[in-house]
Amino acid sequence: MVAVAKLREAMPQLSATQIPIDAFERMRRENLARWPTGALVDIDEAVAYHRSLPVHKQLARVMRKADAEGRCLTQPRGGFGTLELQLELMRELDTVGMADIVPTTTDSYTRNEQWASAERGIEESRKANRSMLNGFPMVNYGPQEARKLIEAINKPAIVLSGTSFPKLTSEIGYAAGFSGYLGSGLAYTVSYTKETSLEEGIRNYQYLDRLVALYGSKGVELHRRQPGFLTGTNIPPSIAITTCIIDALLAAGQGVKNYGLELGQTLHLVQDVAGITMCRILVQEYLARFGFNDVFTPVTSLHWMGAWPHDEAQASALIAYGGILAAVGGAVSITTKSTHEAFGIPTPKANAEGLRITRMAIYLARNLRLGSMPEFKSECELIRREVTPVVDKILEMGDGDAALSTIRAAEAGVLDVPWSPNRWIKSRVMPARDADGYLRILSPGQMPIPRDVLEVHEAGLRRRAEIEAIPFGEDLAVSSVYELSEPLERLMPMLKKLG
């Protein structure tokens, strides 16, 4: 608390307004001086390089084109500890996996700005002839070396940062030629960190989003993307959409024009399709309310973010079903997983196989939509009635300033996230899966969700508790977290009960 108080004294008051260019240039100089490769960043040279890239390697344009054509793009995750291993992975994903977007996931040391430790990890990886890091140490390699990754593939590339500290990684990544960057001040901070305050997370991503706006002023449109939640637990669509709205407002305030939104799948067809549909609608409504009428917000569907089964056949089913959910929902892209998800980092081969399974599922589900289904319409309306009272109250608490609103609403529990590790989030809201497979809210905590909406949630949850003969309470929530990782011999009797 003392450290945060000192930080607040030293900085201007937190605000969602755009960082002035003179102040931002000072911030950039200080940031780039923090590690030797920062001195290699030349934004004008980077702008020229981005302009030289063919259109099909510019992610912002690729996303706009896919949206206009009604296509769902595929993108995996993946990162290894040396340039050579990362090159091999990205070529495999591009050619064998037929990925539409090729990723580079950074390692944990890079995510936490421990670049000296990342350097040792590179050396150990080279000695062992295998990756000793769980991602690519982009800052250590610098923009010119990392650019070899862009040259090695024929698709657009995105940085998957997994961090609340993106400032130097984003400078290196964009200067290298990556045309997309994943992360946001709210979602990543509450998903990945314990002690990092929301204020620090927001400020860090305001830097990144202001950098994207600077590139935009020089004629280069870059893609930014909000990461959804990566807490590895159940997140109902309404909670995820609430966060998408806040993060989108924060990014738009800094001048971002191409901002993707991610939603983790619930693995209920109707709920996921309704979630994708309402995410884009509601985010656009709130952007328009604040005068941001020119922000492109495509939705990316994330393969199941909870616990995965060890059985590869079951994992393949989750992969294929996830592709169908994304396609039917009209997602512009899907972030894929592999059958190795339960075991750790997949091999390039397994990663490519997950891509191909997903692509085939998307093909099979082409042109399918749920628009006329009464249950789909009801779920869309239910999501709206869950989201708008919460977001309206959040924004009211900061007098319409999205940054201040986020801090105050989190302190009050009005903005909340299930099972967040972050000490600045109350985590009183508790979800569980109901008898029909929907993710519902078991306890709202202090979130101002209308009572009649919660009654709909409670009815389905009580029915599942009765069928499974377990208490209506936290046990229902815990069992929902591990449900889809259970072996088939345990799931099949349960299916018979629920049927």
Protein backbone atom coordinates (compact mmCIF):
# COMPACT_ATOMS: atom_id res chain seq x y z
CA MET A 1 0.00 0.00 0.00
CA VAL A 2 2.86 2.41 0.84
CA ALA A 3 4.57 1.73 -2.51
CA VAL A 4 1.35 2.39 -4.40
CA ALA A 5 0.79 5.62 -2.48
CA LYS A 6 4.30 6.85 -3.39
CA LEU A 7 3.69 5.89 -7.02
CA ARG A 8 0.51 7.94 -7.08
CA GLU A 9 2.30 10.94 -5.59
CA ALA A 10 4.99 10.81 -8.28
CA MET A 11 2.61 10.47 -11.23
CA PRO A 12 -0.14 12.62 -12.68
CA GLN A 13 -3.66 11.67 -11.67
CA LEU A 14 -4.84 8.57 -13.47
CA SER A 15 -7.12 9.43 -16.36
CA ALA A 16 -8.50 7.81 -19.50
CA THR A 17 -7.56 10.85 -21.60
CA GLN A 18 -4.83 10.53 -24.21
CA ILE A 19 -1.24 11.00 -23.04
CA PRO A 20 0.11 14.27 -24.56
CA ILE A 21 2.76 13.65 -27.21
CA ASP A 22 5.54 15.56 -25.42
CA ALA A 23 4.98 13.60 -22.22
CA PHE A 24 4.81 10.36 -24.20
CA GLU A 25 8.12 11.05 -25.95
CA ARG A 26 9.76 11.49 -22.54
CA MET A 27 8.22 8.22 -21.40
CA ARG A 28 9.53 6.46 -24.50
CA ARG A 29 13.08 7.67 -23.96
CA GLU A 30 13.06 6.43 -20.36
CA ASN A 31 11.50 3.12 -21.35
CA LEU A 32 13.87 2.33 -24.23
CA ALA A 33 16.87 3.04 -22.00
CA ARG A 34 16.01 0.17 -19.64
CA TRP A 35 17.74 -2.59 -21.68
CA PRO A 36 20.41 -2.32 -24.40
CA THR A 37 18.18 -3.53 -27.23
CA GLY A 38 15.83 -0.61 -26.60
CA ALA A 39 18.43 1.66 -28.20
CA LEU A 40 17.94 -0.28 -31.46
CA VAL A 41 14.31 0.82 -31.78
CA ASP A 42 13.86 3.39 -34.56
CA ILE A 43 10.19 4.12 -35.04
CA ASP A 44 10.61 5.77 -38.43
CA GLU A 45 12.56 2.78 -39.72
CA ALA A 46 9.90 0.49 -38.23
CA VAL A 47 7.14 2.47 -39.93
CA ALA A 48 8.92 2.10 -43.27
CA TYR A 49 9.26 -1.64 -42.71
CA HIS A 50 5.57 -2.07 -41.84
CA ARG A 51 4.63 -0.15 -44.96
CA SER A 52 6.81 -2.46 -47.03
CA LEU A 53 5.02 -5.58 -45.80
CA PRO A 54 2.45 -7.09 -48.20
CA VAL A 55 -1.14 -6.60 -47.11
CA HIS A 56 -1.54 -10.27 -46.17
CA LYS A 57 1.16 -9.85 -43.50
CA GLN A 58 -0.47 -6.79 -41.87
CA LEU A 59 -2.76 -8.08 -39.12
CA ALA A 60 -4.98 -5.00 -38.87
CA ARG A 61 -5.88 -5.31 -42.55
CA VAL A 62 -6.17 -9.09 -42.41
CA MET A 63 -8.69 -8.83 -39.55
CA ARG A 64 -10.75 -6.21 -41.37
CA LYS A 65 -10.79 -8.33 -44.55
CA ALA A 66 -11.80 -11.50 -42.70
CA ASP A 67 -14.61 -9.64 -40.96
CA ALA A 68 -15.91 -8.24 -44.24
CA GLU A 69 -15.84 -11.71 -45.81
CA GLY A 70 -17.38 -13.51 -42.82
CA ARG A 71 -14.34 -15.76 -42.30
CA CYS A 72 -12.99 -17.15 -39.02
CA LEU A 73 -9.18 -17.05 -38.87
CA THR A 74 -7.07 -19.52 -36.89
CA GLN A 75 -4.26 -18.59 -34.53
CA PRO A 76 -2.40 -20.80 -32.05
CA ARG A 77 -0.15 -19.94 -29.13
CA GLY A 78 3.53 -20.79 -29.06
CA GLY A 79 6.96 -19.69 -27.94
CA PHE A 80 10.42 -21.24 -27.43
CA GLY A 81 13.60 -20.00 -25.80
CA THR A 82 15.90 -19.39 -28.76
CA LEU A 83 15.55 -17.71 -32.12
CA GLU A 84 16.33 -20.96 -33.93
CA LEU A 85 13.63 -22.92 -32.12
CA GLN A 86 11.12 -20.11 -32.54
CA LEU A 87 11.84 -19.96 -36.27
CA GLU A 88 11.19 -23.69 -36.54
CA LEU A 89 7.93 -23.39 -34.62
CA MET A 90 6.60 -20.46 -36.62
CA ARG A 91 7.39 -22.10 -39.96
CA GLU A 92 5.58 -25.25 -38.81
CA LEU A 93 2.51 -23.31 -37.71
CA ASP A 94 2.48 -21.30 -40.93
CA THR A 95 2.89 -24.17 -43.40
CA VAL A 96 1.83 -27.46 -41.76
CA GLY A 97 -0.71 -25.93 -39.39
CA MET A 98 -2.00 -23.50 -42.02
CA ALA A 99 -2.39 -20.82 -39.34
CA ASP A 100 -3.90 -17.55 -40.54
CA ILE A 101 -2.07 -15.64 -37.79
CA VAL A 102 1.28 -16.80 -36.42
CA PRO A 103 2.09 -16.07 -32.75
CA THR A 104 5.13 -15.48 -30.63
CA THR A 105 4.47 -16.08 -26.95
CA THR A 106 6.99 -14.47 -24.61
CA ASP A 107 8.58 -16.28 -21.67
CA SER A 108 7.86 -15.70 -17.99
CA TYR A 109 11.10 -13.81 -17.35
CA THR A 110 10.30 -11.41 -20.17
CA ARG A 111 6.74 -11.01 -18.89
CA ASN A 112 8.12 -9.92 -15.53
CA GLU A 113 10.92 -7.76 -16.99
CA GLN A 114 13.66 -10.05 -15.66
CA TRP A 115 15.78 -9.77 -18.78
CA ALA A 116 19.05 -10.84 -17.16
CA SER A 117 17.38 -14.12 -16.15
CA ALA A 118 15.99 -14.49 -19.67
CA GLU A 119 19.54 -14.12 -21.02
CA ARG A 120 20.67 -17.03 -18.86
CA GLY A 121 17.68 -19.00 -20.12
CA ILE A 122 18.81 -18.46 -23.71
CA GLU A 123 22.29 -19.74 -22.88
CA GLU A 124 20.93 -22.79 -21.08
CA SER A 125 18.57 -23.53 -23.95
CA ARG A 126 21.44 -23.47 -26.41
CA LYS A 127 23.53 -25.78 -24.24
CA ALA A 128 20.66 -28.23 -23.80
CA ASN A 129 19.59 -27.98 -27.46
CA ARG A 130 16.00 -27.55 -26.29
CA SER A 131 13.94 -24.73 -24.87
CA MET A 132 14.55 -24.09 -21.19
CA LEU A 133 12.16 -21.11 -21.31
CA ASN A 134 8.38 -21.21 -21.71
CA GLY A 135 8.40 -18.61 -24.47
CA PHE A 136 10.53 -16.36 -26.65
CA PRO A 137 12.73 -13.72 -24.91
CA MET A 138 11.98 -10.98 -27.43
CA VAL A 139 13.55 -8.08 -25.57
CA ASN A 140 16.87 -9.88 -25.29
CA TYR A 141 17.04 -10.55 -29.02
CA GLY A 142 15.99 -7.04 -30.00
CA PRO A 143 14.08 -5.77 -33.05
CA GLN A 144 16.49 -6.73 -35.82
CA GLU A 145 16.97 -10.34 -34.70
CA ALA A 146 13.25 -10.73 -33.95
CA ARG A 147 12.51 -9.45 -37.46
CA LYS A 148 13.91 -12.73 -38.80
CA LEU A 149 10.73 -14.33 -37.45
CA ILE A 150 8.60 -12.02 -39.58
CA GLU A 151 10.70 -12.77 -42.65
CA ALA A 152 10.38 -16.53 -42.10
CA ILE A 153 6.59 -16.67 -42.46
CA ASN A 154 4.00 -15.62 -45.00
CA LYS A 155 1.30 -14.58 -42.52
CA PRO A 156 0.81 -11.70 -40.08
CA ALA A 157 2.42 -12.17 -36.67
CA ILE A 158 1.16 -11.27 -33.21
CA VAL A 159 2.95 -10.94 -29.87
CA LEU A 160 1.25 -12.88 -27.07
CA SER A 161 2.74 -11.16 -24.07
CA GLY A 162 0.92 -12.57 -21.04
CA THR A 163 2.01 -9.59 -18.95
CA SER A 164 0.97 -6.47 -17.11
CA PHE A 165 4.34 -4.94 -18.12
CA PRO A 166 4.23 -4.57 -21.93
CA LYS A 167 6.09 -1.33 -22.45
CA LEU A 168 9.49 -2.52 -23.67
CA THR A 169 8.28 -5.77 -25.24
CA SER A 170 5.75 -3.87 -27.33
CA GLU A 171 8.39 -1.42 -28.55
CA ILE A 172 10.64 -4.30 -29.61
CA GLY A 173 7.80 -6.31 -31.11
CA TYR A 174 6.30 -3.57 -33.23
CA ALA A 175 9.75 -2.38 -34.32
CA ALA A 176 10.54 -5.95 -35.40
CA GLY A 177 7.48 -6.05 -37.66
CA PHE A 178 4.90 -7.82 -35.53
CA SER A 179 1.62 -6.16 -36.48
CA GLY A 180 -0.44 -7.29 -33.50
CA TYR A 181 -0.05 -7.29 -29.71
CA LEU A 182 -2.23 -9.07 -27.13
CA GLY A 183 -2.86 -7.69 -23.66
CA SER A 184 -4.78 -5.10 -21.65
CA GLY A 185 -4.53 -3.18 -18.43
CA LEU A 186 -7.53 -4.69 -16.71
CA ALA A 187 -7.78 -8.28 -17.96
CA TYR A 188 -4.09 -9.23 -17.74
CA THR A 189 -3.52 -7.53 -14.41
CA VAL A 190 -6.37 -9.38 -12.70
CA SER A 191 -5.53 -12.67 -14.44
CA TYR A 192 -1.76 -12.91 -13.96
CA THR A 193 -0.58 -10.81 -11.03
CA LYS A 194 -1.05 -10.72 -7.29
CA GLU A 195 0.58 -7.47 -6.15
CA THR A 196 0.39 -5.30 -9.29
CA SER A 197 -2.25 -2.63 -8.79
CA LEU A 198 -4.92 -1.98 -11.38
CA GLU A 199 -3.63 1.57 -11.64
CA GLU A 200 -0.16 0.36 -12.64
CA GLY A 201 -1.59 -2.17 -15.10
CA ILE A 202 -3.77 0.48 -16.73
CA ARG A 203 -0.91 2.97 -16.98
CA ASN A 204 1.35 0.36 -18.56
CA TYR A 205 -1.18 -0.47 -21.26
CA GLN A 206 -1.98 3.18 -21.84
CA TYR A 207 1.67 3.46 -22.87
CA LEU A 208 1.28 0.61 -25.35
CA ASP A 209 -1.98 1.96 -26.76
CA ARG A 210 -0.48 5.43 -27.10
CA LEU A 211 2.41 3.83 -28.99
CA VAL A 212 -0.08 2.22 -31.39
CA ALA A 213 -1.71 5.61 -31.92
CA LEU A 214 1.73 7.09 -32.66
CA TYR A 215 2.29 4.48 -35.36
CA GLY A 216 -1.21 5.31 -36.65
CA SER A 217 -0.31 8.98 -36.94
CA LYS A 218 2.58 7.90 -39.16
CA GLY A 219 0.32 5.91 -41.46
CA VAL A 220 0.62 2.39 -39.98
CA GLU A 221 -2.48 0.75 -38.53
CA LEU A 222 -1.54 -1.88 -35.96
CA HIS A 223 -3.79 -4.44 -34.34
CA ARG A 224 -4.31 -4.45 -30.58
CA ARG A 225 -6.22 -7.12 -28.77
CA GLN A 226 -7.84 -7.51 -25.38
CA PRO A 227 -6.99 -10.95 -23.93
CA GLY A 228 -10.17 -12.02 -22.15
CA PHE A 229 -9.46 -13.88 -18.91
CA LEU A 230 -6.71 -16.42 -18.44
CA THR A 231 -7.44 -17.41 -14.85
CA GLY A 232 -8.05 -21.00 -15.97
CA THR A 233 -11.54 -21.06 -14.46
CA ASN A 234 -15.13 -20.52 -15.52
CA ILE A 235 -15.95 -16.98 -16.66
CA PRO A 236 -19.57 -16.26 -17.67
CA PRO A 237 -19.81 -14.16 -20.85
CA SER A 238 -21.32 -11.16 -19.06
CA ILE A 239 -18.29 -10.77 -16.80
CA ALA A 240 -15.89 -11.13 -19.73
CA ILE A 241 -17.87 -8.63 -21.82
CA THR A 242 -17.87 -6.11 -18.96
CA THR A 243 -14.09 -6.25 -18.97
CA CYS A 244 -13.96 -5.99 -22.77
CA ILE A 245 -15.97 -2.78 -22.59
CA ILE A 246 -13.67 -1.20 -19.99
CA ASP A 247 -10.48 -2.22 -21.78
CA ALA A 248 -11.86 -1.05 -25.14
CA LEU A 249 -12.73 2.36 -23.71
CA LEU A 250 -9.23 2.67 -22.24
CA ALA A 251 -7.59 1.75 -25.56
CA ALA A 252 -9.84 4.06 -27.57
CA GLY A 253 -8.98 6.88 -25.19
CA GLN A 254 -5.35 6.58 -26.27
CA GLY A 255 -6.26 6.56 -29.96
CA VAL A 256 -6.43 2.85 -30.90
CA LYS A 257 -8.63 2.19 -33.95
CA ASN A 258 -8.24 -1.58 -34.44
CA TYR A 259 -8.98 -3.38 -31.17
CA GLY A 260 -9.86 -7.05 -30.97
CA LEU A 261 -11.90 -8.56 -28.14
CA GLU A 262 -11.37 -12.05 -26.77
CA LEU A 263 -13.94 -14.31 -25.14
CA GLY A 264 -13.12 -17.64 -23.54
CA GLN A 265 -15.54 -20.38 -24.53
CA THR A 266 -18.10 -21.77 -22.10
CA LEU A 267 -18.57 -24.82 -24.36
CA HIS A 268 -22.31 -24.25 -24.52
CA LEU A 269 -23.27 -23.56 -28.13
CA VAL A 270 -26.09 -21.11 -27.47
CA GLN A 271 -24.27 -19.24 -24.71
CA ASP A 272 -21.04 -18.90 -26.67
CA VAL A 273 -22.78 -17.71 -29.83
CA ALA A 274 -24.82 -15.23 -27.78
CA GLY A 275 -21.67 -14.08 -25.99
CA ILE A 276 -19.78 -13.41 -29.22
CA THR A 277 -22.78 -11.60 -30.67
CA MET A 278 -23.44 -9.41 -27.65
CA CYS A 279 -19.77 -8.66 -26.99
CA ARG A 280 -19.39 -6.81 -30.24
CA ILE A 281 -22.79 -5.11 -29.97
CA LEU A 282 -22.34 -3.90 -26.40
CA VAL A 283 -18.73 -2.77 -26.83
CA GLN A 284 -19.75 -0.72 -29.87
CA GLU A 285 -22.67 0.81 -27.96
CA TYR A 286 -20.43 2.00 -25.13
CA LEU A 287 -17.71 3.23 -27.50
CA ALA A 288 -20.34 5.26 -29.35
CA ARG A 289 -21.64 6.67 -26.06
CA PHE A 290 -18.19 8.20 -25.49
CA GLY A 291 -17.82 9.44 -29.06
CA PHE A 292 -15.57 6.64 -30.36
CA ASN A 293 -17.41 5.84 -33.58
CA ASP A 294 -14.48 4.59 -35.67
CA VAL A 295 -13.01 1.73 -33.62
CA PHE A 296 -13.03 -1.71 -35.28
CA THR A 297 -13.70 -4.39 -32.65
CA PRO A 298 -13.58 -7.94 -34.07
CA VAL A 299 -14.20 -10.78 -31.63
CA THR A 300 -11.79 -13.67 -31.12
CA SER A 301 -13.07 -16.89 -29.53
CA LEU A 302 -10.66 -18.72 -27.22
CA HIS A 303 -10.57 -22.49 -27.02
CA TRP A 304 -11.63 -23.71 -23.57
CA MET A 305 -9.58 -21.89 -20.92
CA GLY A 306 -10.29 -24.25 -18.01
CA ALA A 307 -8.82 -27.62 -17.06
CA TRP A 308 -8.33 -30.00 -20.00
CA PRO A 309 -8.66 -33.79 -20.14
CA HIS A 310 -5.54 -35.94 -20.41
CA ASP A 311 -7.22 -38.25 -22.91
CA GLU A 312 -6.26 -37.07 -26.41
CA ALA A 313 -9.58 -38.17 -27.92
CA GLN A 314 -11.49 -36.03 -25.43
CA ALA A 315 -9.11 -33.13 -26.03
CA SER A 316 -9.65 -33.46 -29.80
CA ALA A 317 -13.39 -33.18 -29.20
CA LEU A 318 -12.92 -29.93 -27.26
CA ILE A 319 -10.75 -28.57 -30.08
CA ALA A 320 -13.25 -29.45 -32.80
CA TYR A 321 -16.27 -28.27 -30.84
CA GLY A 322 -14.49 -25.02 -30.09
CA GLY A 323 -13.99 -24.44 -33.80
CA ILE A 324 -17.70 -24.95 -34.40
CA LEU A 325 -18.63 -22.52 -31.61
CA ALA A 326 -16.38 -19.81 -33.07
CA ALA A 327 -17.69 -20.31 -36.60
CA VAL A 328 -21.36 -20.36 -35.67
CA GLY A 329 -20.86 -17.34 -33.42
CA GLY A 330 -19.35 -15.30 -36.22
CA ALA A 331 -16.00 -14.81 -34.48
CA VAL A 332 -13.40 -13.23 -36.74
CA SER A 333 -10.71 -15.49 -35.33
CA ILE A 334 -10.16 -18.34 -32.89
CA THR A 335 -7.13 -18.94 -30.68
CA THR A 336 -6.45 -22.65 -30.73
CA LYS A 337 -5.04 -25.25 -28.37
CA SER A 338 -3.68 -28.76 -28.84
CA THR A 339 -4.25 -32.25 -27.46
CA HIS A 340 -1.17 -31.65 -25.26
CA GLU A 341 -2.90 -28.87 -23.31
CA ALA A 342 -3.17 -30.90 -20.10
CA PHE A 343 0.53 -31.79 -20.17
CA GLY A 344 2.26 -28.48 -20.90
CA ILE A 345 3.80 -26.72 -23.89
CA PRO A 346 2.90 -28.62 -27.08
CA THR A 347 5.38 -29.74 -29.71
CA PRO A 348 5.23 -27.87 -33.02
CA LYS A 349 3.60 -30.95 -34.55
CA ALA A 350 0.85 -31.16 -31.92
CA ASN A 351 0.28 -27.42 -32.14
CA ALA A 352 -0.14 -27.67 -35.93
CA GLU A 353 -2.54 -30.61 -35.53
CA GLY A 354 -4.74 -28.52 -33.21
CA LEU A 355 -4.87 -25.84 -35.90
CA ARG A 356 -5.94 -28.32 -38.58
CA ILE A 357 -8.63 -29.89 -36.40
CA THR A 358 -10.02 -26.43 -35.72
CA ARG A 359 -9.90 -25.40 -39.36
CA MET A 360 -11.85 -28.51 -40.42
CA ALA A 361 -14.48 -27.81 -37.76
CA ILE A 362 -14.84 -24.23 -39.00
CA TYR A 363 -15.30 -25.54 -42.53
CA LEU A 364 -18.02 -27.96 -41.43
CA ALA A 365 -19.88 -25.21 -39.55
CA ARG A 366 -19.71 -22.66 -42.38
CA ASN A 367 -22.78 -20.48 -42.82
CA LEU A 368 -24.54 -21.90 -39.75
CA ARG A 369 -26.18 -19.28 -37.52
CA LEU A 370 -28.62 -19.30 -34.59
CA GLY A 371 -30.31 -15.98 -35.31
CA SER A 372 -33.88 -17.28 -35.36
CA MET A 373 -33.60 -19.63 -32.37
CA PRO A 374 -35.74 -18.41 -29.42
CA GLU A 375 -33.23 -19.72 -26.87
CA PHE A 376 -30.46 -17.73 -28.57
CA LYS A 377 -32.51 -14.53 -28.53
CA SER A 378 -33.36 -15.05 -24.86
CA GLU A 379 -29.71 -15.60 -23.96
CA CYS A 380 -28.67 -12.45 -25.83
CA GLU A 381 -31.21 -10.43 -23.88
CA LEU A 382 -30.14 -12.05 -20.60
CA ILE A 383 -26.50 -11.11 -21.27
CA ARG A 384 -27.51 -7.51 -22.01
CA ARG A 385 -29.44 -7.33 -18.74
CA GLU A 386 -26.45 -8.69 -16.84
CA VAL A 387 -23.87 -6.38 -18.45
CA THR A 388 -25.48 -2.95 -18.70
CA PRO A 389 -26.38 -2.36 -15.00
CA VAL A 390 -22.84 -3.33 -14.00
CA VAL A 391 -21.03 -1.25 -16.63
CA ASP A 392 -23.30 1.74 -16.07
CA LYS A 393 -22.56 1.63 -12.35
CA ILE A 394 -18.81 1.22 -12.95
CA LEU A 395 -18.69 4.27 -15.23
CA GLU A 396 -20.86 6.30 -12.85
CA MET A 397 -18.34 5.67 -10.06
CA GLY A 398 -15.61 7.47 -12.01
CA ASP A 399 -17.80 10.22 -13.47
CA GLY A 400 -17.44 8.65 -16.91
CA ASP A 401 -13.64 8.31 -16.81
CA ALA A 402 -12.97 4.64 -17.60
CA ALA A 403 -9.63 4.56 -15.76
CA LEU A 404 -10.87 6.08 -12.51
CA SER A 405 -14.08 4.08 -12.76
CA THR A 406 -12.14 0.83 -12.92
CA ILE A 407 -10.16 1.56 -9.76
CA ARG A 408 -13.14 2.71 -7.72
CA ALA A 409 -15.45 -0.06 -8.92
CA ALA A 410 -12.88 -2.76 -8.13
CA GLU A 411 -12.40 -1.36 -4.63
CA ALA A 412 -16.16 -1.55 -4.09
CA GLY A 413 -16.56 -4.99 -5.68
CA VAL A 414 -18.87 -3.61 -8.36
CA LEU A 415 -16.24 -4.73 -10.87
CA ASP A 416 -15.33 -8.28 -9.95
CA VAL A 417 -13.72 -11.42 -11.41
CA PRO A 418 -14.04 -15.02 -10.20
CA TRP A 419 -10.91 -16.57 -8.68
CA SER A 420 -8.62 -13.68 -9.55
CA PRO A 421 -5.16 -13.91 -7.92
CA ASN A 422 -4.94 -10.11 -7.77
CA ARG A 423 -5.24 -8.62 -4.29
CA TRP A 424 -7.01 -5.54 -5.68
CA ILE A 425 -9.95 -7.67 -6.84
CA LYS A 426 -12.45 -8.97 -4.30
CA SER A 427 -13.31 -12.18 -6.21
CA ARG A 428 -16.66 -12.48 -4.44
CA VAL A 429 -18.55 -13.30 -7.63
CA MET A 430 -18.83 -17.06 -8.09
CA PRO A 431 -19.94 -18.91 -11.26
CA ALA A 432 -21.04 -22.51 -11.80
CA ARG A 433 -22.43 -24.62 -14.64
CA ASP A 434 -26.17 -25.27 -14.50
CA ALA A 435 -28.21 -28.34 -15.44
CA ASP A 436 -28.37 -27.30 -19.10
CA GLY A 437 -24.65 -26.60 -19.42
CA TYR A 438 -24.80 -22.79 -19.19
CA LEU A 439 -22.26 -20.96 -17.03
CA ARG A 440 -24.34 -19.04 -14.50
CA ILE A 441 -23.63 -16.82 -11.53
CA LEU A 442 -24.02 -18.64 -8.25
CA SER A 443 -23.19 -15.58 -6.15
CA PRO A 444 -22.91 -12.02 -7.55
CA GLY A 445 -20.85 -10.59 -4.70
CA GLN A 446 -21.37 -6.82 -4.91
CA MET A 447 -22.01 -6.72 -8.64
CA PRO A 448 -25.35 -4.93 -9.26
CA ILE A 449 -27.00 -7.65 -11.33
CA PRO A 450 -30.83 -7.41 -11.21
CA ARG A 451 -32.59 -9.83 -8.89
CA ASP A 452 -34.89 -11.26 -11.56
CA VAL A 453 -31.86 -12.06 -13.73
CA LEU A 454 -30.17 -13.85 -10.85
CA GLU A 455 -33.34 -15.88 -10.34
CA VAL A 456 -32.94 -17.28 -13.84
CA HIS A 457 -29.39 -18.29 -12.94
CA GLU A 458 -30.39 -19.78 -9.62
CA ALA A 459 -33.16 -21.94 -11.07
CA GLY A 460 -30.79 -23.78 -13.42
CA LEU A 461 -28.12 -24.13 -10.75
CA ARG A 462 -30.53 -25.53 -8.17
CA ARG A 463 -31.74 -28.05 -10.71
CA ARG A 464 -28.19 -29.29 -11.28
CA ALA A 465 -27.53 -29.48 -7.53
CA GLU A 466 -30.66 -31.59 -7.13
CA ILE A 467 -29.77 -33.93 -10.02
CA GLU A 468 -26.21 -34.45 -8.81
CA ALA A 469 -27.23 -34.61 -5.14
CA ILE A 470 -24.68 -32.01 -4.05
CA PRO A 471 -25.29 -28.93 -1.88
CA PHE A 472 -26.35 -25.70 -3.54
CA GLY A 473 -23.27 -23.64 -2.85
CA GLU A 474 -19.51 -23.50 -3.40
CA ASP A 475 -19.24 -27.24 -4.08
CA LEU A 476 -21.27 -26.67 -7.21
CA ALA A 477 -18.82 -24.00 -8.36
CA VAL A 478 -15.72 -26.11 -7.64
CA SER A 479 -17.10 -29.18 -9.43
CA SER A 480 -17.81 -27.01 -12.47
CA VAL A 481 -14.17 -25.95 -12.70
CA TYR A 482 -12.87 -29.51 -13.12
CA GLU A 483 -15.85 -31.02 -14.92
CA LEU A 484 -14.54 -31.00 -18.49
CA SER A 485 -11.18 -32.50 -17.50
CA GLU A 486 -12.86 -35.57 -16.02
CA PRO A 487 -12.42 -38.92 -17.81
CA LEU A 488 -15.30 -40.17 -19.94
CA GLU A 489 -16.18 -42.98 -17.54
CA ARG A 490 -17.10 -40.31 -14.97
CA LEU A 491 -18.83 -37.98 -17.41
CA MET A 492 -21.09 -40.53 -19.07
CA PRO A 493 -23.10 -41.48 -15.94
CA MET A 494 -23.48 -37.75 -15.25
CA LEU A 495 -24.76 -37.18 -18.78
CA LYS A 496 -27.40 -39.85 -18.20
CA LYS A 497 -28.56 -38.09 -15.02
CA LEU A 498 -28.73 -34.70 -16.65
CA GLY A 499 -30.53 -36.07 -19.70
